[in-house]
mmCIF file of all heavy atoms, coordinates in Angstrom:
data_MODEL
# 
_entry.id   MODEL 
# 
loop_
_atom_site.group_PDB 
_atom_site.id 
_atom_site.type_symbol 
_atom_site.label_atom_id 
_atom_site.label_alt_id 
_atom_site.label_comp_id 
_atom_site.label_asym_id 
_atom_site.label_entity_id 
_atom_site.label_seq_id 
_atom_site.pdbx_PDB_ins_code 
_atom_site.Cartn_x 
_atom_site.Cartn_y 
_atom_site.Cartn_z 
_atom_site.occupancy 
_atom_site.B_iso_or_equiv 
_atom_site.pdbx_formal_charge 
_atom_site.auth_seq_id 
_atom_site.auth_comp_id 
_atom_site.auth_asym_id 
_atom_site.auth_atom_id 
_atom_site.pdbx_PDB_model_num 
ATOM 1   N N   . GLY A 1 1  ? 12.522 -43.308 -138.400 1.00 0.00 ? 1  GLY A N   1 
ATOM 2   C CA  . GLY A 1 1  ? 12.998 -44.554 -138.984 1.00 0.00 ? 1  GLY A CA  1 
ATOM 3   C C   . GLY A 1 1  ? 13.230 -44.508 -140.481 1.00 0.00 ? 1  GLY A C   1 
ATOM 4   O O   . GLY A 1 1  ? 13.408 -45.554 -141.121 1.00 0.00 ? 1  GLY A O   1 
ATOM 5   N N   . LEU A 1 2  ? 13.240 -43.320 -141.062 1.00 0.00 ? 2  LEU A N   1 
ATOM 6   C CA  . LEU A 1 2  ? 13.479 -43.157 -142.500 1.00 0.00 ? 2  LEU A CA  1 
ATOM 7   C C   . LEU A 1 2  ? 14.902 -42.649 -142.740 1.00 0.00 ? 2  LEU A C   1 
ATOM 8   O O   . LEU A 1 2  ? 15.542 -42.099 -141.833 1.00 0.00 ? 2  LEU A O   1 
ATOM 9   C CB  . LEU A 1 2  ? 12.492 -42.151 -143.118 1.00 0.00 ? 2  LEU A CB  1 
ATOM 10  C CG  . LEU A 1 2  ? 11.077 -42.634 -143.440 1.00 0.00 ? 2  LEU A CG  1 
ATOM 11  C CD1 . LEU A 1 2  ? 10.291 -42.921 -142.173 1.00 0.00 ? 2  LEU A CD1 1 
ATOM 12  C CD2 . LEU A 1 2  ? 10.348 -41.591 -144.280 1.00 0.00 ? 2  LEU A CD2 1 
ATOM 13  N N   . LYS A 1 3  ? 15.375 -42.804 -143.961 1.00 0.00 ? 3  LYS A N   1 
ATOM 14  C CA  . LYS A 1 3  ? 16.663 -42.254 -144.353 1.00 0.00 ? 3  LYS A CA  1 
ATOM 15  C C   . LYS A 1 3  ? 16.473 -40.812 -144.819 1.00 0.00 ? 3  LYS A C   1 
ATOM 16  O O   . LYS A 1 3  ? 15.518 -40.491 -145.534 1.00 0.00 ? 3  LYS A O   1 
ATOM 17  C CB  . LYS A 1 3  ? 17.312 -43.079 -145.460 1.00 0.00 ? 3  LYS A CB  1 
ATOM 18  C CG  . LYS A 1 3  ? 17.608 -44.518 -145.078 1.00 0.00 ? 3  LYS A CG  1 
ATOM 19  C CD  . LYS A 1 3  ? 18.555 -44.605 -143.896 1.00 0.00 ? 3  LYS A CD  1 
ATOM 20  C CE  . LYS A 1 3  ? 18.903 -46.047 -143.555 1.00 0.00 ? 3  LYS A CE  1 
ATOM 21  N NZ  . LYS A 1 3  ? 19.755 -46.122 -142.344 1.00 0.00 ? 3  LYS A NZ  1 
ATOM 22  N N   . ALA A 1 4  ? 17.399 -39.960 -144.415 1.00 0.00 ? 4  ALA A N   1 
ATOM 23  C CA  . ALA A 1 4  ? 17.357 -38.548 -144.774 1.00 0.00 ? 4  ALA A CA  1 
ATOM 24  C C   . ALA A 1 4  ? 18.401 -38.258 -145.846 1.00 0.00 ? 4  ALA A C   1 
ATOM 25  O O   . ALA A 1 4  ? 19.608 -38.363 -145.590 1.00 0.00 ? 4  ALA A O   1 
ATOM 26  C CB  . ALA A 1 4  ? 17.610 -37.680 -143.548 1.00 0.00 ? 4  ALA A CB  1 
ATOM 27  N N   . LEU A 1 5  ? 17.926 -37.926 -147.041 1.00 0.00 ? 5  LEU A N   1 
ATOM 28  C CA  . LEU A 1 5  ? 18.812 -37.563 -148.143 1.00 0.00 ? 5  LEU A CA  1 
ATOM 29  C C   . LEU A 1 5  ? 18.688 -36.064 -148.399 1.00 0.00 ? 5  LEU A C   1 
ATOM 30  O O   . LEU A 1 5  ? 17.638 -35.473 -148.172 1.00 0.00 ? 5  LEU A O   1 
ATOM 31  C CB  . LEU A 1 5  ? 18.453 -38.332 -149.417 1.00 0.00 ? 5  LEU A CB  1 
ATOM 32  C CG  . LEU A 1 5  ? 18.345 -39.852 -149.296 1.00 0.00 ? 5  LEU A CG  1 
ATOM 33  C CD1 . LEU A 1 5  ? 17.980 -40.458 -150.650 1.00 0.00 ? 5  LEU A CD1 1 
ATOM 34  C CD2 . LEU A 1 5  ? 19.629 -40.460 -148.769 1.00 0.00 ? 5  LEU A CD2 1 
ATOM 35  N N   . ILE A 1 6  ? 19.756 -35.463 -148.884 1.00 0.00 ? 6  ILE A N   1 
ATOM 36  C CA  . ILE A 1 6  ? 19.749 -34.040 -149.201 1.00 0.00 ? 6  ILE A CA  1 
ATOM 37  C C   . ILE A 1 6  ? 20.015 -33.858 -150.683 1.00 0.00 ? 6  ILE A C   1 
ATOM 38  O O   . ILE A 1 6  ? 21.030 -34.349 -151.195 1.00 0.00 ? 6  ILE A O   1 
ATOM 39  C CB  . ILE A 1 6  ? 20.827 -33.260 -148.407 1.00 0.00 ? 6  ILE A CB  1 
ATOM 40  C CG1 . ILE A 1 6  ? 20.816 -33.639 -146.937 1.00 0.00 ? 6  ILE A CG1 1 
ATOM 41  C CG2 . ILE A 1 6  ? 20.646 -31.757 -148.617 1.00 0.00 ? 6  ILE A CG2 1 
ATOM 42  C CD1 . ILE A 1 6  ? 19.590 -33.269 -146.179 1.00 0.00 ? 6  ILE A CD1 1 
ATOM 43  N N   . ARG A 1 7  ? 19.103 -33.142 -151.371 1.00 0.00 ? 7  ARG A N   1 
ATOM 44  C CA  . ARG A 1 7  ? 19.447 -32.692 -152.727 1.00 0.00 ? 7  ARG A CA  1 
ATOM 45  C C   . ARG A 1 7  ? 20.145 -31.348 -152.527 1.00 0.00 ? 7  ARG A C   1 
ATOM 46  O O   . ARG A 1 7  ? 19.528 -30.345 -152.209 1.00 0.00 ? 7  ARG A O   1 
ATOM 47  C CB  . ARG A 1 7  ? 18.191 -32.540 -153.594 1.00 0.00 ? 7  ARG A CB  1 
ATOM 48  C CG  . ARG A 1 7  ? 18.515 -32.575 -155.107 1.00 0.00 ? 7  ARG A CG  1 
ATOM 49  C CD  . ARG A 1 7  ? 18.650 -31.237 -155.732 1.00 0.00 ? 7  ARG A CD  1 
ATOM 50  N NE  . ARG A 1 7  ? 17.370 -30.561 -155.813 1.00 0.00 ? 7  ARG A NE  1 
ATOM 51  C CZ  . ARG A 1 7  ? 16.493 -30.695 -156.835 1.00 0.00 ? 7  ARG A CZ  1 
ATOM 52  N NH1 . ARG A 1 7  ? 16.758 -31.462 -157.859 1.00 0.00 ? 7  ARG A NH1 1 
ATOM 53  N NH2 . ARG A 1 7  ? 15.354 -30.011 -156.819 1.00 0.00 ? 7  ARG A NH2 1 
ATOM 54  N N   . VAL A 1 8  ? 21.481 -31.395 -152.672 1.00 0.00 ? 8  VAL A N   1 
ATOM 55  C CA  . VAL A 1 8  ? 22.285 -30.210 -152.385 1.00 0.00 ? 8  VAL A CA  1 
ATOM 56  C C   . VAL A 1 8  ? 22.060 -29.141 -153.445 1.00 0.00 ? 8  VAL A C   1 
ATOM 57  O O   . VAL A 1 8  ? 21.517 -29.407 -154.526 1.00 0.00 ? 8  VAL A O   1 
ATOM 58  C CB  . VAL A 1 8  ? 23.780 -30.566 -152.259 1.00 0.00 ? 8  VAL A CB  1 
ATOM 59  C CG1 . VAL A 1 8  ? 24.018 -31.431 -151.034 1.00 0.00 ? 8  VAL A CG1 1 
ATOM 60  C CG2 . VAL A 1 8  ? 24.311 -31.241 -153.514 1.00 0.00 ? 8  VAL A CG2 1 
ATOM 61  N N   . SER A 1 9  ? 22.499 -27.928 -153.143 1.00 0.00 ? 9  SER A N   1 
ATOM 62  C CA  . SER A 1 9  ? 22.258 -26.808 -154.047 1.00 0.00 ? 9  SER A CA  1 
ATOM 63  C C   . SER A 1 9  ? 23.098 -26.900 -155.314 1.00 0.00 ? 9  SER A C   1 
ATOM 64  O O   . SER A 1 9  ? 22.672 -26.455 -156.380 1.00 0.00 ? 9  SER A O   1 
ATOM 65  C CB  . SER A 1 9  ? 22.526 -25.485 -153.330 1.00 0.00 ? 9  SER A CB  1 
ATOM 66  O OG  . SER A 1 9  ? 23.782 -25.509 -152.673 1.00 0.00 ? 9  SER A OG  1 
ATOM 67  N N   . LYS A 1 10 ? 24.283 -27.482 -155.203 1.00 0.00 ? 10 LYS A N   1 
ATOM 68  C CA  . LYS A 1 10 ? 25.126 -27.689 -156.376 1.00 0.00 ? 10 LYS A CA  1 
ATOM 69  C C   . LYS A 1 10 ? 26.247 -28.663 -156.021 1.00 0.00 ? 10 LYS A C   1 
ATOM 70  O O   . LYS A 1 10 ? 26.428 -29.026 -154.853 1.00 0.00 ? 10 LYS A O   1 
ATOM 71  C CB  . LYS A 1 10 ? 25.694 -26.369 -156.904 1.00 0.00 ? 10 LYS A CB  1 
ATOM 72  C CG  . LYS A 1 10 ? 26.583 -25.616 -155.931 1.00 0.00 ? 10 LYS A CG  1 
ATOM 73  C CD  . LYS A 1 10 ? 27.105 -24.339 -156.592 1.00 0.00 ? 10 LYS A CD  1 
ATOM 74  C CE  . LYS A 1 10 ? 27.984 -23.544 -155.630 1.00 0.00 ? 10 LYS A CE  1 
ATOM 75  N NZ  . LYS A 1 10 ? 28.547 -22.339 -156.297 1.00 0.00 ? 10 LYS A NZ  1 
ATOM 76  N N   . ASN A 1 11 ? 26.998 -29.046 -157.027 1.00 0.00 ? 11 ASN A N   1 
ATOM 77  C CA  . ASN A 1 11 ? 28.109 -29.982 -156.845 1.00 0.00 ? 11 ASN A CA  1 
ATOM 78  C C   . ASN A 1 11 ? 29.324 -29.200 -156.347 1.00 0.00 ? 11 ASN A C   1 
ATOM 79  O O   . ASN A 1 11 ? 30.228 -28.869 -157.094 1.00 0.00 ? 11 ASN A O   1 
ATOM 80  C CB  . ASN A 1 11 ? 28.418 -30.674 -158.179 1.00 0.00 ? 11 ASN A CB  1 
ATOM 81  C CG  . ASN A 1 11 ? 29.383 -31.834 -158.018 1.00 0.00 ? 11 ASN A CG  1 
ATOM 82  O OD1 . ASN A 1 11 ? 29.723 -32.235 -156.907 1.00 0.00 ? 11 ASN A OD1 1 
ATOM 83  N ND2 . ASN A 1 11 ? 29.818 -32.391 -159.140 1.00 0.00 ? 11 ASN A ND2 1 
ATOM 84  N N   . GLU A 1 12 ? 29.281 -28.913 -155.029 1.00 0.00 ? 12 GLU A N   1 
ATOM 85  C CA  . GLU A 1 12 ? 30.273 -28.021 -154.448 1.00 0.00 ? 12 GLU A CA  1 
ATOM 86  C C   . GLU A 1 12 ? 30.750 -28.576 -153.110 1.00 0.00 ? 12 GLU A C   1 
ATOM 87  O O   . GLU A 1 12 ? 29.956 -29.111 -152.333 1.00 0.00 ? 12 GLU A O   1 
ATOM 88  C CB  . GLU A 1 12 ? 29.652 -26.628 -154.294 1.00 0.00 ? 12 GLU A CB  1 
ATOM 89  C CG  . GLU A 1 12 ? 30.607 -25.523 -153.953 1.00 0.00 ? 12 GLU A CG  1 
ATOM 90  C CD  . GLU A 1 12 ? 30.713 -25.310 -152.453 1.00 0.00 ? 12 GLU A CD  1 
ATOM 91  O OE1 . GLU A 1 12 ? 29.730 -25.600 -151.739 1.00 0.00 ? 12 GLU A OE1 1 
ATOM 92  O OE2 . GLU A 1 12 ? 31.781 -24.871 -152.002 1.00 0.00 ? 12 GLU A OE2 1 
ATOM 93  N N   . GLU A 1 13 ? 32.039 -28.456 -152.856 1.00 0.00 ? 13 GLU A N   1 
ATOM 94  C CA  . GLU A 1 13 ? 32.666 -29.124 -151.727 1.00 0.00 ? 13 GLU A CA  1 
ATOM 95  C C   . GLU A 1 13 ? 32.073 -28.732 -150.373 1.00 0.00 ? 13 GLU A C   1 
ATOM 96  O O   . GLU A 1 13 ? 31.762 -29.610 -149.552 1.00 0.00 ? 13 GLU A O   1 
ATOM 97  C CB  . GLU A 1 13 ? 34.164 -28.810 -151.730 1.00 0.00 ? 13 GLU A CB  1 
ATOM 98  C CG  . GLU A 1 13 ? 34.938 -29.446 -150.600 1.00 0.00 ? 13 GLU A CG  1 
ATOM 99  C CD  . GLU A 1 13 ? 36.417 -29.138 -150.672 1.00 0.00 ? 13 GLU A CD  1 
ATOM 100 O OE1 . GLU A 1 13 ? 36.818 -28.318 -151.521 1.00 0.00 ? 13 GLU A OE1 1 
ATOM 101 O OE2 . GLU A 1 13 ? 37.172 -29.714 -149.871 1.00 0.00 ? 13 GLU A OE2 1 
ATOM 102 N N   . VAL A 1 14 ? 31.892 -27.459 -150.124 1.00 0.00 ? 14 VAL A N   1 
ATOM 103 C CA  . VAL A 1 14 ? 31.509 -27.010 -148.783 1.00 0.00 ? 14 VAL A CA  1 
ATOM 104 C C   . VAL A 1 14 ? 30.089 -27.435 -148.422 1.00 0.00 ? 14 VAL A C   1 
ATOM 105 O O   . VAL A 1 14 ? 29.847 -27.954 -147.333 1.00 0.00 ? 14 VAL A O   1 
ATOM 106 C CB  . VAL A 1 14 ? 31.676 -25.482 -148.650 1.00 0.00 ? 14 VAL A CB  1 
ATOM 107 C CG1 . VAL A 1 14 ? 31.136 -25.007 -147.301 1.00 0.00 ? 14 VAL A CG1 1 
ATOM 108 C CG2 . VAL A 1 14 ? 33.143 -25.092 -148.797 1.00 0.00 ? 14 VAL A CG2 1 
ATOM 109 N N   . ILE A 1 15 ? 29.135 -27.249 -149.335 1.00 0.00 ? 15 ILE A N   1 
ATOM 110 C CA  . ILE A 1 15 ? 27.754 -27.601 -149.000 1.00 0.00 ? 15 ILE A CA  1 
ATOM 111 C C   . ILE A 1 15 ? 27.604 -29.107 -148.803 1.00 0.00 ? 15 ILE A C   1 
ATOM 112 O O   . ILE A 1 15 ? 26.883 -29.562 -147.910 1.00 0.00 ? 15 ILE A O   1 
ATOM 113 C CB  . ILE A 1 15 ? 26.758 -27.071 -150.065 1.00 0.00 ? 15 ILE A CB  1 
ATOM 114 C CG1 . ILE A 1 15 ? 25.318 -27.247 -149.567 1.00 0.00 ? 15 ILE A CG1 1 
ATOM 115 C CG2 . ILE A 1 15 ? 26.949 -27.763 -151.407 1.00 0.00 ? 15 ILE A CG2 1 
ATOM 116 C CD1 . ILE A 1 15 ? 25.003 -26.504 -148.289 1.00 0.00 ? 15 ILE A CD1 1 
ATOM 117 N N   . ILE A 1 16 ? 28.294 -29.907 -149.605 1.00 0.00 ? 16 ILE A N   1 
ATOM 118 C CA  . ILE A 1 16 ? 28.232 -31.365 -149.433 1.00 0.00 ? 16 ILE A CA  1 
ATOM 119 C C   . ILE A 1 16 ? 28.822 -31.767 -148.090 1.00 0.00 ? 16 ILE A C   1 
ATOM 120 O O   . ILE A 1 16 ? 28.241 -32.565 -147.342 1.00 0.00 ? 16 ILE A O   1 
ATOM 121 C CB  . ILE A 1 16 ? 28.939 -32.079 -150.600 1.00 0.00 ? 16 ILE A CB  1 
ATOM 122 C CG1 . ILE A 1 16 ? 28.120 -31.917 -151.888 1.00 0.00 ? 16 ILE A CG1 1 
ATOM 123 C CG2 . ILE A 1 16 ? 29.172 -33.556 -150.282 1.00 0.00 ? 16 ILE A CG2 1 
ATOM 124 C CD1 . ILE A 1 16 ? 28.787 -32.463 -153.126 1.00 0.00 ? 16 ILE A CD1 1 
ATOM 125 N N   . LYS A 1 17 ? 29.961 -31.196 -147.754 1.00 0.00 ? 17 LYS A N   1 
ATOM 126 C CA  . LYS A 1 17 ? 30.610 -31.504 -146.477 1.00 0.00 ? 17 LYS A CA  1 
ATOM 127 C C   . LYS A 1 17 ? 29.723 -31.118 -145.301 1.00 0.00 ? 17 LYS A C   1 
ATOM 128 O O   . LYS A 1 17 ? 29.582 -31.879 -144.328 1.00 0.00 ? 17 LYS A O   1 
ATOM 129 C CB  . LYS A 1 17 ? 31.945 -30.764 -146.410 1.00 0.00 ? 17 LYS A CB  1 
ATOM 130 C CG  . LYS A 1 17 ? 32.688 -30.870 -145.102 1.00 0.00 ? 17 LYS A CG  1 
ATOM 131 C CD  . LYS A 1 17 ? 34.108 -30.314 -145.221 1.00 0.00 ? 17 LYS A CD  1 
ATOM 132 C CE  . LYS A 1 17 ? 34.117 -28.903 -145.776 1.00 0.00 ? 17 LYS A CE  1 
ATOM 133 N NZ  . LYS A 1 17 ? 35.506 -28.387 -145.891 1.00 0.00 ? 17 LYS A NZ  1 
ATOM 134 N N   . ARG A 1 18 ? 29.077 -29.972 -145.382 1.00 0.00 ? 18 ARG A N   1 
ATOM 135 C CA  . ARG A 1 18 ? 28.282 -29.489 -144.254 1.00 0.00 ? 18 ARG A CA  1 
ATOM 136 C C   . ARG A 1 18 ? 27.045 -30.355 -144.012 1.00 0.00 ? 18 ARG A C   1 
ATOM 137 O O   . ARG A 1 18 ? 26.739 -30.710 -142.862 1.00 0.00 ? 18 ARG A O   1 
ATOM 138 C CB  . ARG A 1 18 ? 27.884 -28.024 -144.478 1.00 0.00 ? 18 ARG A CB  1 
ATOM 139 C CG  . ARG A 1 18 ? 29.057 -27.087 -144.427 1.00 0.00 ? 18 ARG A CG  1 
ATOM 140 C CD  . ARG A 1 18 ? 28.625 -25.629 -144.565 1.00 0.00 ? 18 ARG A CD  1 
ATOM 141 N NE  . ARG A 1 18 ? 28.023 -25.126 -143.321 1.00 0.00 ? 18 ARG A NE  1 
ATOM 142 C CZ  . ARG A 1 18 ? 27.584 -23.879 -143.175 1.00 0.00 ? 18 ARG A CZ  1 
ATOM 143 N NH1 . ARG A 1 18 ? 27.676 -23.023 -144.181 1.00 0.00 ? 18 ARG A NH1 1 
ATOM 144 N NH2 . ARG A 1 18 ? 27.058 -23.491 -142.027 1.00 0.00 ? 18 ARG A NH2 1 
ATOM 145 N N   . VAL A 1 19 ? 26.320 -30.721 -145.076 1.00 0.00 ? 19 VAL A N   1 
ATOM 146 C CA  . VAL A 1 19 ? 25.110 -31.527 -144.848 1.00 0.00 ? 19 VAL A CA  1 
ATOM 147 C C   . VAL A 1 19 ? 25.463 -32.939 -144.402 1.00 0.00 ? 19 VAL A C   1 
ATOM 148 O O   . VAL A 1 19 ? 24.721 -33.556 -143.618 1.00 0.00 ? 19 VAL A O   1 
ATOM 149 C CB  . VAL A 1 19 ? 24.180 -31.550 -146.081 1.00 0.00 ? 19 VAL A CB  1 
ATOM 150 C CG1 . VAL A 1 19 ? 23.723 -30.140 -146.436 1.00 0.00 ? 19 VAL A CG1 1 
ATOM 151 C CG2 . VAL A 1 19 ? 24.815 -32.227 -147.279 1.00 0.00 ? 19 VAL A CG2 1 
ATOM 152 N N   . LEU A 1 20 ? 26.594 -33.468 -144.869 1.00 0.00 ? 20 LEU A N   1 
ATOM 153 C CA  . LEU A 1 20 ? 27.009 -34.794 -144.409 1.00 0.00 ? 20 LEU A CA  1 
ATOM 154 C C   . LEU A 1 20 ? 27.463 -34.747 -142.957 1.00 0.00 ? 20 LEU A C   1 
ATOM 155 O O   . LEU A 1 20 ? 27.175 -35.663 -142.178 1.00 0.00 ? 20 LEU A O   1 
ATOM 156 C CB  . LEU A 1 20 ? 28.111 -35.358 -145.311 1.00 0.00 ? 20 LEU A CB  1 
ATOM 157 C CG  . LEU A 1 20 ? 27.668 -35.734 -146.725 1.00 0.00 ? 20 LEU A CG  1 
ATOM 158 C CD1 . LEU A 1 20 ? 28.840 -36.264 -147.535 1.00 0.00 ? 20 LEU A CD1 1 
ATOM 159 C CD2 . LEU A 1 20 ? 26.540 -36.766 -146.698 1.00 0.00 ? 20 LEU A CD2 1 
ATOM 160 N N   . ASP A 1 21 ? 28.161 -33.680 -142.569 1.00 0.00 ? 21 ASP A N   1 
ATOM 161 C CA  . ASP A 1 21 ? 28.559 -33.554 -141.168 1.00 0.00 ? 21 ASP A CA  1 
ATOM 162 C C   . ASP A 1 21 ? 27.348 -33.360 -140.250 1.00 0.00 ? 21 ASP A C   1 
ATOM 163 O O   . ASP A 1 21 ? 27.423 -33.649 -139.056 1.00 0.00 ? 21 ASP A O   1 
ATOM 164 C CB  . ASP A 1 21 ? 29.541 -32.394 -140.996 1.00 0.00 ? 21 ASP A CB  1 
ATOM 165 C CG  . ASP A 1 21 ? 30.944 -32.733 -141.475 1.00 0.00 ? 21 ASP A CG  1 
ATOM 166 O OD1 . ASP A 1 21 ? 31.230 -33.924 -141.669 1.00 0.00 ? 21 ASP A OD1 1 
ATOM 167 O OD2 . ASP A 1 21 ? 31.754 -31.802 -141.665 1.00 0.00 ? 21 ASP A OD2 1 
ATOM 168 N N   . MET A 1 22 ? 26.244 -32.889 -140.808 1.00 0.00 ? 22 MET A N   1 
ATOM 169 C CA  . MET A 1 22 ? 24.998 -32.810 -140.028 1.00 0.00 ? 22 MET A CA  1 
ATOM 170 C C   . MET A 1 22 ? 24.379 -34.188 -139.796 1.00 0.00 ? 22 MET A C   1 
ATOM 171 O O   . MET A 1 22 ? 23.465 -34.323 -138.992 1.00 0.00 ? 22 MET A O   1 
ATOM 172 C CB  . MET A 1 22 ? 23.978 -31.925 -140.758 1.00 0.00 ? 22 MET A CB  1 
ATOM 173 C CG  . MET A 1 22 ? 24.319 -30.470 -140.772 1.00 0.00 ? 22 MET A CG  1 
ATOM 174 S SD  . MET A 1 22 ? 23.070 -29.559 -141.723 1.00 0.00 ? 22 MET A SD  1 
ATOM 175 C CE  . MET A 1 22 ? 23.914 -27.998 -141.963 1.00 0.00 ? 22 MET A CE  1 
ATOM 176 N N   . GLY A 1 23 ? 24.844 -35.186 -140.545 1.00 0.00 ? 23 GLY A N   1 
ATOM 177 C CA  . GLY A 1 23 ? 24.354 -36.543 -140.329 1.00 0.00 ? 23 GLY A CA  1 
ATOM 178 C C   . GLY A 1 23 ? 23.444 -37.086 -141.407 1.00 0.00 ? 23 GLY A C   1 
ATOM 179 O O   . GLY A 1 23 ? 22.771 -38.099 -141.194 1.00 0.00 ? 23 GLY A O   1 
ATOM 180 N N   . ALA A 1 24 ? 23.401 -36.438 -142.579 1.00 0.00 ? 24 ALA A N   1 
ATOM 181 C CA  . ALA A 1 24 ? 22.576 -36.955 -143.671 1.00 0.00 ? 24 ALA A CA  1 
ATOM 182 C C   . ALA A 1 24 ? 23.018 -38.364 -144.058 1.00 0.00 ? 24 ALA A C   1 
ATOM 183 O O   . ALA A 1 24 ? 24.209 -38.696 -144.007 1.00 0.00 ? 24 ALA A O   1 
ATOM 184 C CB  . ALA A 1 24 ? 22.668 -36.035 -144.884 1.00 0.00 ? 24 ALA A CB  1 
ATOM 185 N N   . ASP A 1 25 ? 22.043 -39.171 -144.467 1.00 0.00 ? 25 ASP A N   1 
ATOM 186 C CA  . ASP A 1 25 ? 22.334 -40.550 -144.884 1.00 0.00 ? 25 ASP A CA  1 
ATOM 187 C C   . ASP A 1 25 ? 22.842 -40.615 -146.320 1.00 0.00 ? 25 ASP A C   1 
ATOM 188 O O   . ASP A 1 25 ? 23.369 -41.653 -146.736 1.00 0.00 ? 25 ASP A O   1 
ATOM 189 C CB  . ASP A 1 25 ? 21.076 -41.406 -144.764 1.00 0.00 ? 25 ASP A CB  1 
ATOM 190 C CG  . ASP A 1 25 ? 20.626 -41.541 -143.321 1.00 0.00 ? 25 ASP A CG  1 
ATOM 191 O OD1 . ASP A 1 25 ? 21.370 -42.155 -142.533 1.00 0.00 ? 25 ASP A OD1 1 
ATOM 192 O OD2 . ASP A 1 25 ? 19.542 -41.028 -142.979 1.00 0.00 ? 25 ASP A OD2 1 
ATOM 193 N N   . GLY A 1 26 ? 22.666 -39.540 -147.057 1.00 0.00 ? 26 GLY A N   1 
ATOM 194 C CA  . GLY A 1 26 ? 23.142 -39.538 -148.437 1.00 0.00 ? 26 GLY A CA  1 
ATOM 195 C C   . GLY A 1 26 ? 22.860 -38.209 -149.101 1.00 0.00 ? 26 GLY A C   1 
ATOM 196 O O   . GLY A 1 26 ? 22.196 -37.336 -148.533 1.00 0.00 ? 26 GLY A O   1 
ATOM 197 N N   . ILE A 1 27 ? 23.375 -38.065 -150.305 1.00 0.00 ? 27 ILE A N   1 
ATOM 198 C CA  . ILE A 1 27 ? 23.196 -36.834 -151.063 1.00 0.00 ? 27 ILE A CA  1 
ATOM 199 C C   . ILE A 1 27 ? 22.734 -37.153 -152.480 1.00 0.00 ? 27 ILE A C   1 
ATOM 200 O O   . ILE A 1 27 ? 23.068 -38.205 -153.041 1.00 0.00 ? 27 ILE A O   1 
ATOM 201 C CB  . ILE A 1 27 ? 24.496 -36.002 -151.135 1.00 0.00 ? 27 ILE A CB  1 
ATOM 202 C CG1 . ILE A 1 27 ? 25.685 -36.866 -151.613 1.00 0.00 ? 27 ILE A CG1 1 
ATOM 203 C CG2 . ILE A 1 27 ? 24.792 -35.339 -149.802 1.00 0.00 ? 27 ILE A CG2 1 
ATOM 204 C CD1 . ILE A 1 27 ? 26.960 -36.088 -151.872 1.00 0.00 ? 27 ILE A CD1 1 
ATOM 205 N N   . ILE A 1 28 ? 21.935 -36.246 -153.018 1.00 0.00 ? 28 ILE A N   1 
ATOM 206 C CA  . ILE A 1 28 ? 21.605 -36.246 -154.438 1.00 0.00 ? 28 ILE A CA  1 
ATOM 207 C C   . ILE A 1 28 ? 22.245 -34.993 -155.013 1.00 0.00 ? 28 ILE A C   1 
ATOM 208 O O   . ILE A 1 28 ? 21.946 -33.877 -154.559 1.00 0.00 ? 28 ILE A O   1 
ATOM 209 C CB  . ILE A 1 28 ? 20.088 -36.254 -154.665 1.00 0.00 ? 28 ILE A CB  1 
ATOM 210 C CG1 . ILE A 1 28 ? 19.488 -37.566 -154.138 1.00 0.00 ? 28 ILE A CG1 1 
ATOM 211 C CG2 . ILE A 1 28 ? 19.753 -36.070 -156.146 1.00 0.00 ? 28 ILE A CG2 1 
ATOM 212 C CD1 . ILE A 1 28 ? 17.982 -37.651 -154.258 1.00 0.00 ? 28 ILE A CD1 1 
ATOM 213 N N   . VAL A 1 29 ? 23.125 -35.174 -155.971 1.00 0.00 ? 29 VAL A N   1 
ATOM 214 C CA  . VAL A 1 29 ? 23.925 -34.063 -156.492 1.00 0.00 ? 29 VAL A CA  1 
ATOM 215 C C   . VAL A 1 29 ? 23.387 -33.661 -157.856 1.00 0.00 ? 29 VAL A C   1 
ATOM 216 O O   . VAL A 1 29 ? 23.384 -34.463 -158.786 1.00 0.00 ? 29 VAL A O   1 
ATOM 217 C CB  . VAL A 1 29 ? 25.412 -34.437 -156.583 1.00 0.00 ? 29 VAL A CB  1 
ATOM 218 C CG1 . VAL A 1 29 ? 26.237 -33.221 -157.001 1.00 0.00 ? 29 VAL A CG1 1 
ATOM 219 C CG2 . VAL A 1 29 ? 25.916 -34.975 -155.239 1.00 0.00 ? 29 VAL A CG2 1 
# 
């Protein structure tokens, strides 16, 4: 019941796209 956020490795197109396609609720860049 919690939100899952990802602090991505860097401000880069592929890693952001991949974690969001996994279903993350948000990103910290």
